[in-house]
Amino acid sequence: MIETLISSKTRIKLLMKFFINSQNTAYLRSLEEEFRESTNGIRLELNRFEKAGFLQSFNQGNKKLFTVNSKHPLFKNIHQMILKMTGIEYAVDYVVKQIGDLQQVYLVGKLAKGQDTGIIDLVLVGDRLNKAFLMEQIEKAEKKIEKKIRFVHFTTDEFTLEQIQESDMYPLLLWSKT
């Protein structure tokens, strides 16, 4: 869908990497490995984003790290567009409706890291969830966004953020009741 507007695949990957989860940081070589593309193309796009003010950079040792500039006037708009494009927004809208005492929804896994994938991994925190209705809503959302949705459920008593802060989880709070 977004490929019609933005022809550079590298640019799309960078948008997803930095605008899905504003906590993501990366340096050129790590992006080269992740994207499996040449450093020259990635460097050009990083420089364009930094010059436009979408990204900020800082040095850590001998590495130049990049992160999104969440204070940029267009940050929220681009963030929402990327959430719609990946289907995350629709998935949360469908899942949150009337499924019980839901407190929080986290995005975890590859998509939270900013990597394009056909799977949306969610962590649901809440009590007395209507699992039958939840499964029905997930099925509807999967058909609409054409992606698989996986979830794990924790009650509010058993959930701690540390449980999902493992190295490959990259938790991103998508929705909270409070």
N, C-alpha and C. Protein backbone atom coordinates (compact mmCIF):
# COMPACT_ATOMS: atom_id res chain seq x y z
N MET A 1 0.83 -1.19 0.00
CA MET A 1 0.00 0.00 0.00
C MET A 1 0.87 1.26 0.00
N ILE A 2 1.78 1.38 0.96
CA ILE A 2 2.61 2.59 1.03
C ILE A 2 3.64 2.61 -0.10
N GLU A 3 3.90 1.43 -0.70
CA GLU A 3 4.86 1.36 -1.80
C GLU A 3 4.44 2.22 -2.98
N THR A 4 3.14 2.51 -3.10
CA THR A 4 2.66 3.37 -4.18
C THR A 4 3.08 4.82 -3.94
N LEU A 5 3.12 5.22 -2.68
CA LEU A 5 3.51 6.58 -2.34
C LEU A 5 5.03 6.75 -2.23
N ILE A 6 5.68 5.75 -1.66
CA ILE A 6 7.11 5.82 -1.43
C ILE A 6 7.77 4.67 -2.17
N SER A 7 8.55 4.99 -3.18
CA SER A 7 9.12 3.94 -4.03
C SER A 7 10.38 3.31 -3.44
N SER A 8 11.05 3.97 -2.53
CA SER A 8 12.28 3.43 -1.95
C SER A 8 11.96 2.42 -0.85
N LYS A 9 12.34 1.17 -1.07
CA LYS A 9 12.11 0.13 -0.07
C LYS A 9 12.93 0.40 1.19
N THR A 10 14.10 0.95 1.02
CA THR A 10 14.94 1.29 2.17
C THR A 10 14.27 2.36 3.02
N ARG A 11 13.69 3.35 2.38
CA ARG A 11 13.00 4.42 3.10
C ARG A 11 11.82 3.86 3.88
N ILE A 12 11.08 2.94 3.29
CA ILE A 12 9.94 2.32 3.97
C ILE A 12 10.42 1.54 5.19
N LYS A 13 11.49 0.78 5.03
CA LYS A 13 12.04 0.01 6.15
C LYS A 13 12.50 0.93 7.28
N LEU A 14 13.10 2.05 6.93
CA LEU A 14 13.54 3.01 7.96
C LEU A 14 12.35 3.64 8.67
N LEU A 15 11.31 3.97 7.91
CA LEU A 15 10.10 4.52 8.53
C LEU A 15 9.53 3.53 9.54
N MET A 16 9.45 2.27 9.15
CA MET A 16 8.92 1.26 10.07
C MET A 16 9.84 1.09 11.27
N LYS A 17 11.12 1.03 11.02
CA LYS A 17 12.09 0.82 12.11
C LYS A 17 11.96 1.89 13.18
N PHE A 18 11.87 3.14 12.77
CA PHE A 18 11.91 4.24 13.74
C PHE A 18 10.55 4.78 14.15
N PHE A 19 9.53 4.63 13.31
CA PHE A 19 8.25 5.26 13.63
C PHE A 19 7.22 4.32 14.26
N ILE A 20 7.45 3.01 14.25
CA ILE A 20 6.56 2.12 15.00
C ILE A 20 6.86 2.26 16.48
N ASN A 21 8.13 2.19 16.82
CA ASN A 21 8.55 2.26 18.22
C ASN A 21 9.61 3.35 18.32
N SER A 22 9.26 4.47 18.91
CA SER A 22 10.18 5.61 18.99
C SER A 22 11.36 5.35 19.90
N GLN A 23 11.39 4.22 20.60
CA GLN A 23 12.53 3.88 21.46
C GLN A 23 13.65 3.19 20.68
N ASN A 24 13.37 2.80 19.44
CA ASN A 24 14.38 2.10 18.64
C ASN A 24 15.55 3.01 18.31
N THR A 25 16.75 2.46 18.43
CA THR A 25 17.96 3.12 17.97
C THR A 25 18.71 2.13 17.09
N ALA A 26 19.49 2.64 16.17
CA ALA A 26 20.24 1.76 15.27
C ALA A 26 21.43 2.51 14.71
N TYR A 27 22.42 1.75 14.29
CA TYR A 27 23.56 2.34 13.60
C TYR A 27 23.67 1.68 12.22
N LEU A 28 24.46 2.28 11.36
CA LEU A 28 24.51 1.90 9.95
C LEU A 28 24.74 0.41 9.73
N ARG A 29 25.74 -0.16 10.36
CA ARG A 29 26.06 -1.58 10.14
C ARG A 29 24.95 -2.51 10.63
N SER A 30 24.30 -2.15 11.73
CA SER A 30 23.21 -3.00 12.22
C SER A 30 22.04 -2.96 11.24
N LEU A 31 21.80 -1.80 10.65
CA LEU A 31 20.73 -1.68 9.65
C LEU A 31 21.09 -2.46 8.39
N GLU A 32 22.36 -2.45 8.03
CA GLU A 32 22.82 -3.21 6.86
C GLU A 32 22.53 -4.70 7.06
N GLU A 33 22.82 -5.21 8.25
CA GLU A 33 22.56 -6.62 8.55
C GLU A 33 21.07 -6.91 8.59
N GLU A 34 20.32 -6.04 9.23
CA GLU A 34 18.88 -6.24 9.38
C GLU A 34 18.14 -6.16 8.05
N PHE A 35 18.47 -5.16 7.24
CA PHE A 35 17.78 -4.94 5.97
C PHE A 35 18.35 -5.78 4.83
N ARG A 36 19.57 -6.27 5.02
CA ARG A 36 20.30 -7.00 3.97
C ARG A 36 20.42 -6.16 2.71
N GLU A 37 20.85 -4.92 2.91
CA GLU A 37 21.04 -3.97 1.82
C GLU A 37 22.41 -3.32 1.98
N SER A 38 22.85 -2.63 0.93
CA SER A 38 24.16 -1.99 0.97
C SER A 38 24.14 -0.78 1.91
N THR A 39 25.29 -0.52 2.50
CA THR A 39 25.40 0.62 3.42
C THR A 39 25.20 1.94 2.69
N ASN A 40 25.58 2.01 1.42
CA ASN A 40 25.46 3.27 0.68
C ASN A 40 24.01 3.73 0.59
N GLY A 41 23.11 2.84 0.21
CA GLY A 41 21.69 3.20 0.09
C GLY A 41 21.10 3.58 1.44
N ILE A 42 21.46 2.83 2.46
CA ILE A 42 20.95 3.11 3.81
C ILE A 42 21.49 4.45 4.30
N ARG A 43 22.78 4.69 4.08
CA ARG A 43 23.41 5.95 4.52
C ARG A 43 22.74 7.15 3.86
N LEU A 44 22.45 7.05 2.57
CA LEU A 44 21.78 8.15 1.87
C LEU A 44 20.43 8.48 2.50
N GLU A 45 19.64 7.44 2.76
CA GLU A 45 18.32 7.65 3.36
C GLU A 45 18.42 8.18 4.79
N LEU A 46 19.36 7.65 5.57
CA LEU A 46 19.56 8.16 6.94
C LEU A 46 19.91 9.64 6.92
N ASN A 47 20.80 10.01 6.01
CA ASN A 47 21.20 11.43 5.90
C ASN A 47 20.02 12.31 5.49
N ARG A 48 19.18 11.82 4.58
CA ARG A 48 18.00 12.58 4.17
C ARG A 48 17.04 12.78 5.34
N PHE A 49 16.78 11.70 6.08
CA PHE A 49 15.89 11.78 7.24
C PHE A 49 16.46 12.71 8.32
N GLU A 50 17.77 12.62 8.52
CA GLU A 50 18.39 13.48 9.54
C GLU A 50 18.35 14.95 9.10
N LYS A 51 18.64 15.21 7.84
CA LYS A 51 18.61 16.59 7.33
C LYS A 51 17.20 17.18 7.42
N ALA A 52 16.17 16.35 7.20
CA ALA A 52 14.78 16.82 7.28
C ALA A 52 14.31 16.94 8.73
N GLY A 53 15.10 16.43 9.67
CA GLY A 53 14.75 16.55 11.08
C GLY A 53 13.93 15.39 11.63
N PHE A 54 13.69 14.36 10.80
CA PHE A 54 12.92 13.20 11.26
C PHE A 54 13.74 12.31 12.19
N LEU A 55 15.04 12.26 11.97
CA LEU A 55 15.94 11.46 12.80
C LEU A 55 16.96 12.35 13.47
N GLN A 56 17.44 11.88 14.61
CA GLN A 56 18.54 12.53 15.33
C GLN A 56 19.66 11.50 15.43
N SER A 57 20.87 11.99 15.54
CA SER A 57 21.99 11.06 15.70
C SER A 57 22.84 11.49 16.89
N PHE A 58 23.53 10.52 17.44
CA PHE A 58 24.48 10.77 18.52
C PHE A 58 25.55 9.69 18.45
N ASN A 59 26.71 10.01 18.97
CA ASN A 59 27.82 9.06 18.95
C ASN A 59 27.88 8.29 20.25
N GLN A 60 28.13 6.99 20.10
CA GLN A 60 28.34 6.12 21.25
C GLN A 60 29.58 5.29 20.92
N GLY A 61 30.68 5.68 21.53
CA GLY A 61 31.95 5.07 21.15
C GLY A 61 32.29 5.48 19.74
N ASN A 62 32.57 4.49 18.89
CA ASN A 62 32.88 4.80 17.49
C ASN A 62 31.67 4.61 16.57
N LYS A 63 30.49 4.47 17.15
CA LYS A 63 29.27 4.27 16.36
C LYS A 63 28.41 5.53 16.37
N LYS A 64 27.84 5.82 15.21
CA LYS A 64 26.87 6.89 15.10
C LYS A 64 25.49 6.25 15.14
N LEU A 65 24.77 6.50 16.22
CA LEU A 65 23.44 5.92 16.41
C LEU A 65 22.37 6.89 15.98
N PHE A 66 21.30 6.33 15.42
CA PHE A 66 20.16 7.13 14.98
C PHE A 66 18.93 6.77 15.79
N THR A 67 18.11 7.75 16.03
CA THR A 67 16.82 7.57 16.70
C THR A 67 15.84 8.57 16.11
N VAL A 68 14.57 8.30 16.26
CA VAL A 68 13.54 9.19 15.71
C VAL A 68 13.47 10.48 16.53
N ASN A 69 13.18 11.56 15.87
CA ASN A 69 12.96 12.84 16.56
C ASN A 69 11.47 12.95 16.84
N SER A 70 11.07 12.52 18.03
CA SER A 70 9.65 12.50 18.38
C SER A 70 9.09 13.91 18.58
N LYS A 71 9.94 14.92 18.57
CA LYS A 71 9.47 16.30 18.70
C LYS A 71 9.21 16.95 17.33
N HIS A 72 9.50 16.23 16.27
CA HIS A 72 9.25 16.75 14.92
C HIS A 72 7.74 16.97 14.76
N PRO A 73 7.33 18.07 14.13
CA PRO A 73 5.89 18.36 14.00
C PRO A 73 5.09 17.28 13.28
N LEU A 74 5.73 16.49 12.43
CA LEU A 74 5.01 15.45 11.69
C LEU A 74 5.15 14.06 12.33
N PHE A 75 5.84 13.97 13.45
CA PHE A 75 6.07 12.66 14.06
C PHE A 75 4.76 11.89 14.31
N LYS A 76 3.81 12.53 14.98
CA LYS A 76 2.56 11.83 15.31
C LYS A 76 1.81 11.39 14.07
N ASN A 77 1.81 12.23 13.03
CA ASN A 77 1.12 11.89 11.79
C ASN A 77 1.77 10.67 11.12
N ILE A 78 3.09 10.68 11.05
CA ILE A 78 3.80 9.56 10.41
C ILE A 78 3.63 8.30 11.24
N HIS A 79 3.71 8.44 12.56
CA HIS A 79 3.54 7.31 13.47
C HIS A 79 2.17 6.67 13.25
N GLN A 80 1.10 7.48 13.19
CA GLN A 80 -0.25 6.97 12.96
C GLN A 80 -0.36 6.31 11.59
N MET A 81 0.26 6.89 10.58
CA MET A 81 0.21 6.32 9.24
C MET A 81 0.87 4.94 9.22
N ILE A 82 2.01 4.81 9.89
CA ILE A 82 2.72 3.53 9.93
C ILE A 82 1.90 2.50 10.72
N LEU A 83 1.26 2.92 11.81
CA LEU A 83 0.41 1.99 12.56
C LEU A 83 -0.76 1.50 11.71
N LYS A 84 -1.34 2.40 10.92
CA LYS A 84 -2.43 1.99 10.02
C LYS A 84 -1.91 1.06 8.94
N MET A 85 -0.77 1.41 8.36
CA MET A 85 -0.20 0.63 7.27
C MET A 85 0.12 -0.80 7.70
N THR A 86 0.62 -0.96 8.91
CA THR A 86 0.98 -2.30 9.39
C THR A 86 -0.20 -3.07 9.95
N GLY A 87 -1.33 -2.40 10.16
CA GLY A 87 -2.51 -3.06 10.68
C GLY A 87 -2.60 -3.04 12.19
N ILE A 88 -1.62 -2.49 12.87
CA ILE A 88 -1.62 -2.47 14.33
C ILE A 88 -2.82 -1.71 14.87
N GLU A 89 -3.11 -0.57 14.28
CA GLU A 89 -4.23 0.25 14.75
C GLU A 89 -5.55 -0.51 14.67
N TYR A 90 -5.79 -1.19 13.55
CA TYR A 90 -7.03 -1.95 13.38
C TYR A 90 -7.08 -3.12 14.36
N ALA A 91 -5.95 -3.80 14.53
CA ALA A 91 -5.91 -4.95 15.44
C ALA A 91 -6.30 -4.53 16.85
N VAL A 92 -5.75 -3.43 17.32
CA VAL A 92 -6.06 -2.97 18.67
C VAL A 92 -7.52 -2.52 18.76
N ASP A 93 -8.02 -1.81 17.76
CA ASP A 93 -9.42 -1.38 17.77
C ASP A 93 -10.37 -2.57 17.88
N TYR A 94 -10.11 -3.62 17.11
CA TYR A 94 -10.97 -4.79 17.16
C TYR A 94 -10.84 -5.53 18.49
N VAL A 95 -9.61 -5.68 18.97
CA VAL A 95 -9.36 -6.48 20.17
C VAL A 95 -9.89 -5.80 21.43
N VAL A 96 -9.75 -4.50 21.54
CA VAL A 96 -10.08 -3.79 22.77
C VAL A 96 -11.58 -3.74 23.04
N LYS A 97 -12.38 -3.79 22.00
CA LYS A 97 -13.84 -3.64 22.16
C LYS A 97 -14.45 -4.78 22.96
N GLN A 98 -15.05 -4.47 24.09
CA GLN A 98 -15.93 -5.35 24.85
C GLN A 98 -15.36 -6.72 25.16
N ILE A 99 -14.09 -6.85 25.46
CA ILE A 99 -13.57 -8.19 25.76
C ILE A 99 -13.36 -8.41 27.24
N GLY A 100 -13.82 -7.52 28.06
CA GLY A 100 -13.69 -7.70 29.51
C GLY A 100 -12.94 -6.55 30.14
N ASP A 101 -12.32 -6.84 31.23
CA ASP A 101 -11.60 -5.82 32.00
C ASP A 101 -10.16 -5.71 31.52
N LEU A 102 -9.97 -5.23 30.30
CA LEU A 102 -8.64 -5.09 29.72
C LEU A 102 -7.98 -3.83 30.27
N GLN A 103 -6.73 -3.95 30.70
CA GLN A 103 -6.00 -2.82 31.27
C GLN A 103 -4.95 -2.25 30.32
N GLN A 104 -4.22 -3.15 29.62
CA GLN A 104 -3.14 -2.71 28.73
C GLN A 104 -3.00 -3.66 27.56
N VAL A 105 -2.50 -3.11 26.44
CA VAL A 105 -2.16 -3.91 25.27
C VAL A 105 -0.76 -3.48 24.84
N TYR A 106 0.16 -4.45 24.75
CA TYR A 106 1.52 -4.20 24.31
C TYR A 106 1.76 -4.88 22.97
N LEU A 107 2.50 -4.23 22.10
CA LEU A 107 3.01 -4.84 20.88
C LEU A 107 4.41 -5.35 21.22
N VAL A 108 4.71 -6.59 20.84
CA VAL A 108 6.03 -7.16 21.09
C VAL A 108 6.53 -7.85 19.83
N GLY A 109 7.79 -8.24 19.83
CA GLY A 109 8.35 -9.02 18.73
C GLY A 109 8.88 -8.18 17.59
N LYS A 110 8.94 -8.80 16.42
CA LYS A 110 9.56 -8.18 15.25
C LYS A 110 8.93 -6.85 14.86
N LEU A 111 7.61 -6.79 14.89
CA LEU A 111 6.94 -5.55 14.49
C LEU A 111 7.26 -4.42 15.47
N ALA A 112 7.34 -4.73 16.76
CA ALA A 112 7.71 -3.72 17.76
C ALA A 112 9.14 -3.24 17.54
N LYS A 113 9.96 -4.11 16.98
CA LYS A 113 11.35 -3.75 16.67
C LYS A 113 11.42 -2.90 15.40
N GLY A 114 10.33 -2.89 14.64
CA GLY A 114 10.31 -2.10 13.41
C GLY A 114 10.59 -2.92 12.17
N GLN A 115 10.50 -4.24 12.29
CA GLN A 115 10.71 -5.11 11.13
C GLN A 115 9.36 -5.54 10.58
N ASP A 116 9.22 -5.48 9.26
CA ASP A 116 7.97 -5.86 8.63
C ASP A 116 7.77 -7.36 8.77
N THR A 117 6.59 -7.75 9.15
CA THR A 117 6.27 -9.15 9.33
C THR A 117 4.78 -9.34 9.12
N GLY A 118 4.39 -10.54 8.82
CA GLY A 118 2.98 -10.85 8.62
C GLY A 118 2.27 -11.23 9.91
N ILE A 119 2.96 -11.05 11.04
CA ILE A 119 2.39 -11.45 12.33
C ILE A 119 2.43 -10.27 13.29
N ILE A 120 1.32 -10.03 13.97
CA ILE A 120 1.25 -9.02 15.02
C ILE A 120 1.18 -9.77 16.34
N ASP A 121 2.21 -9.57 17.18
CA ASP A 121 2.26 -10.21 18.49
C ASP A 121 1.84 -9.22 19.56
N LEU A 122 0.81 -9.59 20.32
CA LEU A 122 0.27 -8.71 21.35
C LEU A 122 0.34 -9.37 22.72
N VAL A 123 0.52 -8.56 23.75
CA VAL A 123 0.40 -8.99 25.13
C VAL A 123 -0.80 -8.25 25.70
N LEU A 124 -1.80 -9.01 26.17
CA LEU A 124 -3.01 -8.44 26.74
C LEU A 124 -2.96 -8.60 28.26
N VAL A 125 -3.19 -7.50 28.96
CA VAL A 125 -3.18 -7.52 30.42
C VAL A 125 -4.56 -7.12 30.91
N GLY A 126 -5.20 -8.00 31.65
CA GLY A 126 -6.53 -7.70 32.16
C GLY A 126 -7.16 -8.91 32.80
N ASP A 127 -8.29 -8.70 33.43
CA ASP A 127 -8.99 -9.76 34.15
C ASP A 127 -10.34 -10.04 33.48
N ARG A 128 -10.82 -11.25 33.67
CA ARG A 128 -12.14 -11.67 33.20
C ARG A 128 -12.37 -11.31 31.72
N LEU A 129 -11.43 -11.69 30.87
CA LEU A 129 -11.59 -11.42 29.45
C LEU A 129 -12.58 -12.41 28.84
N ASN A 130 -13.40 -11.94 27.96
CA ASN A 130 -14.34 -12.76 27.22
C ASN A 130 -13.57 -13.39 26.06
N LYS A 131 -13.01 -14.58 26.30
CA LYS A 131 -12.11 -15.21 25.31
C LYS A 131 -12.82 -15.56 24.01
N ALA A 132 -14.07 -15.97 24.09
CA ALA A 132 -14.80 -16.31 22.86
C ALA A 132 -14.98 -15.06 22.00
N PHE A 133 -15.36 -13.97 22.63
CA PHE A 133 -15.52 -12.71 21.90
C PHE A 133 -14.17 -12.21 21.39
N LEU A 134 -13.13 -12.38 22.20
CA LEU A 134 -11.77 -11.98 21.81
C LEU A 134 -11.35 -12.72 20.55
N MET A 135 -11.55 -14.03 20.51
CA MET A 135 -11.17 -14.81 19.34
C MET A 135 -11.96 -14.38 18.10
N GLU A 136 -13.22 -14.06 18.31
CA GLU A 136 -14.07 -13.58 17.22
C GLU A 136 -13.54 -12.25 16.66
N GLN A 137 -13.16 -11.35 17.56
CA GLN A 137 -12.64 -10.04 17.14
C GLN A 137 -11.28 -10.17 16.44
N ILE A 138 -10.45 -11.07 16.95
CA ILE A 138 -9.13 -11.28 16.32
C ILE A 138 -9.32 -11.85 14.92
N GLU A 139 -10.25 -12.77 14.76
CA GLU A 139 -10.52 -13.34 13.44
C GLU A 139 -10.97 -12.26 12.45
N LYS A 140 -11.85 -11.36 12.90
CA LYS A 140 -12.30 -10.25 12.05
C LYS A 140 -11.14 -9.33 11.68
N ALA A 141 -10.31 -9.01 12.67
CA ALA A 141 -9.17 -8.12 12.43
C ALA A 141 -8.18 -8.76 11.46
N GLU A 142 -7.93 -10.06 11.61
CA GLU A 142 -7.00 -10.76 10.71
C GLU A 142 -7.48 -10.70 9.27
N LYS A 143 -8.76 -10.86 9.07
CA LYS A 143 -9.31 -10.80 7.70
C LYS A 143 -9.17 -9.39 7.13
N LYS A 144 -9.43 -8.39 7.96
CA LYS A 144 -9.38 -7.01 7.48
C LYS A 144 -7.95 -6.58 7.13
N ILE A 145 -6.99 -6.92 7.99
CA ILE A 145 -5.61 -6.44 7.78
C ILE A 145 -4.73 -7.45 7.07
N GLU A 146 -5.25 -8.66 6.85
CA GLU A 146 -4.52 -9.72 6.16
C GLU A 146 -3.19 -10.03 6.84
N LYS A 147 -3.23 -10.11 8.16
CA LYS A 147 -2.07 -10.50 8.96
C LYS A 147 -2.55 -11.41 10.08
N LYS A 148 -1.65 -12.24 10.54
CA LYS A 148 -1.94 -13.13 11.66
C LYS A 148 -1.73 -12.36 12.96
N ILE A 149 -2.63 -12.55 13.92
CA ILE A 149 -2.50 -11.91 15.23
C ILE A 149 -2.33 -13.00 16.28
N ARG A 150 -1.21 -12.93 16.99
CA ARG A 150 -0.98 -13.84 18.11
C ARG A 150 -1.02 -13.02 19.39
N PHE A 151 -1.48 -13.65 20.46
CA PHE A 151 -1.52 -12.92 21.72
C PHE A 151 -1.23 -13.85 22.88
N VAL A 152 -0.78 -13.24 23.95
CA VAL A 152 -0.66 -13.93 25.23
C VAL A 152 -1.40 -13.06 26.24
N HIS A 153 -2.07 -13.71 27.18
CA HIS A 153 -2.89 -12.99 28.15
C HIS A 153 -2.31 -13.17 29.56
N PHE A 154 -2.18 -12.07 30.28
CA PHE A 154 -1.79 -12.07 31.68
C PHE A 154 -2.89 -11.39 32.48
N THR A 155 -3.18 -11.92 33.67
CA THR A 155 -4.07 -11.18 34.57
C THR A 155 -3.26 -10.03 35.15
N THR A 156 -3.94 -9.05 35.72
CA THR A 156 -3.22 -7.91 36.29
C THR A 156 -2.34 -8.33 37.45
N ASP A 157 -2.73 -9.37 38.19
CA ASP A 157 -1.92 -9.85 39.31
C ASP A 157 -0.65 -10.54 38.86
N GLU A 158 -0.69 -11.27 37.76
CA GLU A 158 0.48 -12.04 37.33
C GLU A 158 1.41 -11.28 36.39
N PHE A 159 1.00 -10.12 35.90
CA PHE A 159 1.81 -9.40 34.91
C PHE A 159 2.82 -8.46 35.57
N THR A 160 4.05 -8.51 35.06
CA THR A 160 5.07 -7.50 35.35
C THR A 160 5.74 -7.15 34.02
N LEU A 161 6.11 -5.92 33.86
CA LEU A 161 6.74 -5.47 32.62
C LEU A 161 8.04 -6.23 32.35
N GLU A 162 8.74 -6.64 33.39
CA GLU A 162 10.00 -7.37 33.23
C GLU A 162 9.80 -8.67 32.46
N GLN A 163 8.61 -9.25 32.55
CA GLN A 163 8.34 -10.51 31.85
C GLN A 163 8.43 -10.35 30.34
N ILE A 164 8.15 -9.17 29.84
CA ILE A 164 8.17 -8.98 28.38
C ILE A 164 9.32 -8.09 27.93
N GLN A 165 10.26 -7.84 28.81
CA GLN A 165 11.40 -7.01 28.43
C GLN A 165 12.62 -7.84 28.08
N GLU A 166 12.40 -9.04 27.58
CA GLU A 166 13.49 -9.89 27.14
C GLU A 166 14.10 -9.28 25.88
N SER A 167 15.23 -9.79 25.47
CA SER A 167 15.99 -9.18 24.37
C SER A 167 15.23 -9.11 23.04
N ASP A 168 14.39 -10.05 22.73
CA ASP A 168 13.72 -10.05 21.43
C ASP A 168 12.26 -9.58 21.48
N MET A 169 11.85 -9.01 22.60
CA MET A 169 10.44 -8.64 22.76
C MET A 169 10.15 -7.18 22.37
N TYR A 170 10.99 -6.24 22.72
CA TYR A 170 10.82 -4.82 22.39
C TYR A 170 9.41 -4.31 22.72
N PRO A 171 8.97 -4.41 23.97
CA PRO A 171 7.58 -4.05 24.29
C PRO A 171 7.25 -2.59 24.00
N LEU A 172 6.12 -2.40 23.39
CA LEU A 172 5.63 -1.07 23.06
C LEU A 172 4.17 -0.99 23.51
N LEU A 173 3.90 -0.11 24.48
CA LEU A 173 2.54 0.05 24.99
C LEU A 173 1.69 0.71 23.89
N LEU A 174 0.66 0.00 23.44
CA LEU A 174 -0.22 0.51 22.39
C LEU A 174 -1.49 1.14 22.95
N TRP A 175 -1.96 0.57 24.07
CA TRP A 175 -3.22 1.03 24.63
C TRP A 175 -3.21 0.79 26.13
N SER A 176 -3.77 1.73 26.86
CA SER A 176 -3.90 1.58 28.30
C SER A 176 -5.24 2.16 28.72
N LYS A 177 -5.89 1.50 29.66
CA LYS A 177 -7.19 1.95 30.14
C LYS A 177 -7.07 3.27 30.88
N THR A 178 -5.95 3.47 31.58
CA THR A 178 -5.77 4.70 32.34
C THR A 178 -5.07 5.76 31.54
